[in-house]
Amino acid sequence: MGEAAPKPKASARKKKGDSASSTTPPTQTPTTTAESAPRLSATAKGKQPLRATT
């Protein structure tokens, strides 16, 4: 099953290859968001205890 998963993704990437140029800018945005997500999670963890205390 693990091998079957990469194959569909490979073909999907090939199809997206044409829009890869347009997908590249959006990809950078999610990447930055992903980095911000951990920071927000850390901040959220700090806020959660405060809320719990409240």
PDB file of N, CA and C in Angstrom:
ATOM      1  N   MET A   1       0.845  -1.206   0.000  1.00  0.00           N
ATOM      2  CA  MET A   1       0.000   0.000   0.000  1.00  0.00           C
ATOM      3  C   MET A   1       0.884   1.261   0.000  1.00  0.00           C
ATOM      4  N   GLY A   2       1.951   1.214   0.788  1.00  0.00           N
ATOM      5  CA  GLY A   2       2.841   2.374   0.852  1.00  0.00           C
ATOM      6  C   GLY A   2       3.396   2.723  -0.518  1.00  0.00           C
ATOM      7  N   GLU A   3       3.721   1.685  -1.316  1.00  0.00           N
ATOM      8  CA  GLU A   3       4.274   1.946  -2.652  1.00  0.00           C
ATOM      9  C   GLU A   3       3.194   2.505  -3.574  1.00  0.00           C
ATOM     10  N   ALA A   4       1.958   2.080  -3.382  1.00  0.00           N
ATOM     11  CA  ALA A   4       0.869   2.536  -4.253  1.00  0.00           C
ATOM     12  C   ALA A   4       0.614   4.034  -4.012  1.00  0.00           C
ATOM     13  N   ALA A   5       0.779   4.484  -2.784  1.00  0.00           N
ATOM     14  CA  ALA A   5       0.514   5.887  -2.459  1.00  0.00           C
ATOM     15  C   ALA A   5       1.448   6.826  -3.225  1.00  0.00           C
ATOM     16  N   PRO A   6       2.761   6.588  -3.198  1.00  0.00           N
ATOM     17  CA  PRO A   6       3.684   7.493  -3.900  1.00  0.00           C
ATOM     18  C   PRO A   6       3.405   7.562  -5.392  1.00  0.00           C
ATOM     19  N   LYS A   7       2.997   6.456  -6.007  1.00  0.00           N
ATOM     20  CA  LYS A   7       2.751   6.450  -7.458  1.00  0.00           C
ATOM     21  C   LYS A   7       1.655   7.446  -7.837  1.00  0.00           C
ATOM     22  N   PRO A   8       0.489   7.419  -7.195  1.00  0.00           N
ATOM     23  CA  PRO A   8      -0.566   8.402  -7.518  1.00  0.00           C
ATOM     24  C   PRO A   8      -0.064   9.828  -7.281  1.00  0.00           C
ATOM     25  N   LYS A   9       0.679  10.025  -6.220  1.00  0.00           N
ATOM     26  CA  LYS A   9       1.183  11.377  -5.926  1.00  0.00           C
ATOM     27  C   LYS A   9       2.128  11.823  -7.028  1.00  0.00           C
ATOM     28  N   ALA A  10       2.961  10.885  -7.518  1.00  0.00           N
ATOM     29  CA  ALA A  10       3.921  11.223  -8.579  1.00  0.00           C
ATOM     30  C   ALA A  10       3.164  11.702  -9.809  1.00  0.00           C
ATOM     31  N   SER A  11       2.121  10.981 -10.202  1.00  0.00           N
ATOM     32  CA  SER A  11       1.353  11.379 -11.391  1.00  0.00           C
ATOM     33  C   SER A  11       0.647  12.704 -11.110  1.00  0.00           C
ATOM     34  N   ALA A  12       0.181  12.887  -9.891  1.00  0.00           N
ATOM     35  CA  ALA A  12      -0.503  14.135  -9.542  1.00  0.00           C
ATOM     36  C   ALA A  12       0.489  15.293  -9.642  1.00  0.00           C
ATOM     37  N   ARG A  13       1.720  15.054  -9.195  1.00  0.00           N
ATOM     38  CA  ARG A  13       2.734  16.110  -9.268  1.00  0.00           C
ATOM     39  C   ARG A  13       3.040  16.435 -10.722  1.00  0.00           C
ATOM     40  N   LYS A  14       3.055  15.404 -11.575  1.00  0.00           N
ATOM     41  CA  LYS A  14       3.340  15.633 -12.998  1.00  0.00           C
ATOM     42  C   LYS A  14       2.250  16.516 -13.592  1.00  0.00           C
ATOM     43  N   LYS A  15       0.997  16.255 -13.254  1.00  0.00           N
ATOM     44  CA  LYS A  15      -0.104  17.074 -13.771  1.00  0.00           C
ATOM     45  C   LYS A  15       0.018  18.499 -13.225  1.00  0.00           C
ATOM     46  N   LYS A  16       0.387  18.611 -11.963  1.00  0.00           N
ATOM     47  CA  LYS A  16       0.523  19.939 -11.364  1.00  0.00           C
ATOM     48  C   LYS A  16       1.801  20.617 -11.840  1.00  0.00           C
ATOM     49  N   GLY A  17       2.675  19.832 -12.475  1.00  0.00           N
ATOM     50  CA  GLY A  17       3.944  20.390 -12.956  1.00  0.00           C
ATOM     51  C   GLY A  17       3.695  21.595 -13.848  1.00  0.00           C
ATOM     52  N   ASP A  18       2.648  21.555 -14.684  1.00  0.00           N
ATOM     53  CA  ASP A  18       2.341  22.688 -15.561  1.00  0.00           C
ATOM     54  C   ASP A  18       1.966  23.911 -14.713  1.00  0.00           C
ATOM     55  N   SER A  19       1.196  23.699 -13.670  1.00  0.00           N
ATOM     56  CA  SER A  19       0.791  24.820 -12.821  1.00  0.00           C
ATOM     57  C   SER A  19       1.785  24.998 -11.680  1.00  0.00           C
ATOM     58  N   ALA A  20       2.894  24.255 -11.727  1.00  0.00           N
ATOM     59  CA  ALA A  20       3.903  24.359 -10.664  1.00  0.00           C
ATOM     60  C   ALA A  20       4.373  25.806 -10.556  1.00  0.00           C
ATOM     61  N   SER A  21       4.512  26.480 -11.708  1.00  0.00           N
ATOM     62  CA  SER A  21       4.971  27.868 -11.692  1.00  0.00           C
ATOM     63  C   SER A  21       3.981  28.722 -10.897  1.00  0.00           C
ATOM     64  N   SER A  22       2.687  28.500 -11.115  1.00  0.00           N
ATOM     65  CA  SER A  22       1.676  29.274 -10.395  1.00  0.00           C
ATOM     66  C   SER A  22       1.512  28.715  -8.981  1.00  0.00           C
ATOM     67  N   THR A  23       1.849  27.424  -8.806  1.00  0.00           N
ATOM     68  CA  THR A  23       1.723  26.804  -7.481  1.00  0.00           C
ATOM     69  C   THR A  23       2.900  27.199  -6.598  1.00  0.00           C
ATOM     70  N   THR A  24       4.000  27.609  -7.208  1.00  0.00           N
ATOM     71  CA  THR A  24       5.192  27.954  -6.422  1.00  0.00           C
ATOM     72  C   THR A  24       4.928  29.124  -5.464  1.00  0.00           C
ATOM     73  N   PRO A  25       4.346  30.234  -5.911  1.00  0.00           N
ATOM     74  CA  PRO A  25       4.080  31.341  -4.979  1.00  0.00           C
ATOM     75  C   PRO A  25       3.185  30.912  -3.815  1.00  0.00           C
ATOM     76  N   PRO A  26       2.060  30.235  -4.077  1.00  0.00           N
ATOM     77  CA  PRO A  26       1.199  29.773  -2.986  1.00  0.00           C
ATOM     78  C   PRO A  26       1.937  28.816  -2.068  1.00  0.00           C
ATOM     79  N   THR A  27       2.827  27.988  -2.639  1.00  0.00           N
ATOM     80  CA  THR A  27       3.562  27.019  -1.820  1.00  0.00           C
ATOM     81  C   THR A  27       4.414  27.753  -0.791  1.00  0.00           C
ATOM     82  N   GLN A  28       5.006  28.864  -1.189  1.00  0.00           N
ATOM     83  CA  GLN A  28       5.843  29.613  -0.260  1.00  0.00           C
ATOM     84  C   GLN A  28       4.992  30.170   0.879  1.00  0.00           C
ATOM     85  N   THR A  29       3.766  30.563   0.586  1.00  0.00           N
ATOM     86  CA  THR A  29       2.894  31.114   1.622  1.00  0.00           C
ATOM     87  C   THR A  29       2.575  30.065   2.688  1.00  0.00           C
ATOM     88  N   PRO A  30       2.128  28.855   2.285  1.00  0.00           N
ATOM     89  CA  PRO A  30       1.864  27.805   3.277  1.00  0.00           C
ATOM     90  C   PRO A  30       3.120  27.475   4.065  1.00  0.00           C
ATOM     91  N   THR A  31       4.271  27.486   3.411  1.00  0.00           N
ATOM     92  CA  THR A  31       5.523  27.168   4.106  1.00  0.00           C
ATOM     93  C   THR A  31       5.761  28.176   5.225  1.00  0.00           C
ATOM     94  N   THR A  32       5.560  29.451   4.931  1.00  0.00           N
ATOM     95  CA  THR A  32       5.743  30.479   5.954  1.00  0.00           C
ATOM     96  C   THR A  32       4.702  30.303   7.050  1.00  0.00           C
ATOM     97  N   THR A  33       3.474  29.962   6.650  1.00  0.00           N
ATOM     98  CA  THR A  33       2.410  29.744   7.626  1.00  0.00           C
ATOM     99  C   THR A  33       2.750  28.550   8.503  1.00  0.00           C
ATOM    100  N   ALA A  34       3.342  27.521   7.897  1.00  0.00           N
ATOM    101  CA  ALA A  34       3.702  26.323   8.658  1.00  0.00           C
ATOM    102  C   ALA A  34       4.716  26.696   9.734  1.00  0.00           C
ATOM    103  N   GLU A  35       5.667  27.565   9.377  1.00  0.00           N
ATOM    104  CA  GLU A  35       6.661  27.988  10.359  1.00  0.00           C
ATOM    105  C   GLU A  35       6.004  28.845  11.434  1.00  0.00           C
ATOM    106  N   SER A  36       5.031  29.654  11.042  1.00  0.00           N
ATOM    107  CA  SER A  36       4.336  30.500  12.008  1.00  0.00           C
ATOM    108  C   SER A  36       3.406  29.659  12.870  1.00  0.00           C
ATOM    109  N   ALA A  37       2.895  28.576  12.310  1.00  0.00           N
ATOM    110  CA  ALA A  37       1.963  27.714  13.047  1.00  0.00           C
ATOM    111  C   ALA A  37       2.592  27.211  14.340  1.00  0.00           C
ATOM    112  N   PRO A  38       3.818  26.652  14.281  1.00  0.00           N
ATOM    113  CA  PRO A  38       4.460  26.182  15.519  1.00  0.00           C
ATOM    114  C   PRO A  38       4.595  27.310  16.531  1.00  0.00           C
ATOM    115  N   ARG A  39       4.927  28.492  16.044  1.00  0.00           N
ATOM    116  CA  ARG A  39       5.067  29.628  16.962  1.00  0.00           C
ATOM    117  C   ARG A  39       3.713  29.957  17.584  1.00  0.00           C
ATOM    118  N   LEU A  40       2.663  29.933  16.767  1.00  0.00           N
ATOM    119  CA  LEU A  40       1.327  30.206  17.282  1.00  0.00           C
ATOM    120  C   LEU A  40       0.927  29.115  18.268  1.00  0.00           C
ATOM    121  N   SER A  41       1.316  27.868  17.944  1.00  0.00           N
ATOM    122  CA  SER A  41       0.977  26.752  18.831  1.00  0.00           C
ATOM    123  C   SER A  41       1.653  26.961  20.180  1.00  0.00           C
ATOM    124  N   ALA A  42       2.915  27.363  20.152  1.00  0.00           N
ATOM    125  CA  ALA A  42       3.647  27.607  21.395  1.00  0.00           C
ATOM    126  C   ALA A  42       2.969  28.733  22.164  1.00  0.00           C
ATOM    127  N   THR A  43       2.575  29.776  21.449  1.00  0.00           N
ATOM    128  CA  THR A  43       1.888  30.895  22.088  1.00  0.00           C
ATOM    129  C   THR A  43       0.530  30.441  22.608  1.00  0.00           C
ATOM    130  N   ALA A  44      -0.145  29.613  21.818  1.00  0.00           N
ATOM    131  CA  ALA A  44      -1.459  29.120  22.225  1.00  0.00           C
ATOM    132  C   ALA A  44      -1.322  28.298  23.499  1.00  0.00           C
ATOM    133  N   LYS A  45      -0.255  27.502  23.570  1.00  0.00           N
ATOM    134  CA  LYS A  45      -0.036  26.689  24.767  1.00  0.00           C
ATOM    135  C   LYS A  45       0.140  27.596  25.975  1.00  0.00           C
ATOM    136  N   GLY A  46       0.843  28.699  25.778  1.00  0.00           N
ATOM    137  CA  GLY A  46       1.050  29.634  26.879  1.00  0.00           C
ATOM    138  C   GLY A  46      -0.266  30.292  27.266  1.00  0.00           C
ATOM    139  N   LYS A  47      -1.130  30.552  26.268  1.00  0.00           N
ATOM    140  CA  LYS A  47      -2.415  31.191  26.550  1.00  0.00           C
ATOM    141  C   LYS A  47      -3.388  30.202  27.174  1.00  0.00           C
ATOM    142  N   GLN A  48      -3.323  28.949  26.742  1.00  0.00           N
ATOM    143  CA  GLN A  48      -4.264  27.943  27.254  1.00  0.00           C
ATOM    144  C   GLN A  48      -4.171  27.819  28.775  1.00  0.00           C
ATOM    145  N   PRO A  49      -2.949  27.669  29.321  1.00  0.00           N
ATOM    146  CA  PRO A  49      -2.823  27.572  30.784  1.00  0.00           C
ATOM    147  C   PRO A  49      -3.381  28.818  31.461  1.00  0.00           C
ATOM    148  N   LEU A  50      -3.126  29.990  30.865  1.00  0.00           N
ATOM    149  CA  LEU A  50      -3.630  31.229  31.453  1.00  0.00           C
ATOM    150  C   LEU A  50      -5.154  31.193  31.468  1.00  0.00           C
ATOM    151  N   ARG A  51      -5.738  30.745  30.353  1.00  0.00           N
ATOM    152  CA  ARG A  51      -7.194  30.673  30.284  1.00  0.00           C
ATOM    153  C   ARG A  51      -7.706  29.645  31.282  1.00  0.00           C
ATOM    154  N   ALA A  52      -6.975  28.541  31.386  1.00  0.00           N
ATOM    155  CA  ALA A  52      -7.394  27.479  32.304  1.00  0.00           C
ATOM    156  C   ALA A  52      -7.352  28.022  33.731  1.00  0.00           C
ATOM    157  N   THR A  53      -6.308  28.818  34.020  1.00  0.00           N
ATOM    158  CA  THR A  53      -6.182  29.397  35.358  1.00  0.00           C
ATOM    159  C   THR A  53      -7.321  30.382  35.590  1.00  0.00           C
ATOM    160  N   THR A  54      -7.678  31.095  34.533  1.00  0.00           N
ATOM    161  CA  THR A  54      -8.745  32.075  34.665  1.00  0.00           C
ATOM    162  C   THR A  54     -10.056  31.337  34.905  1.00  0.00           C
TER     163      THR A  54
END
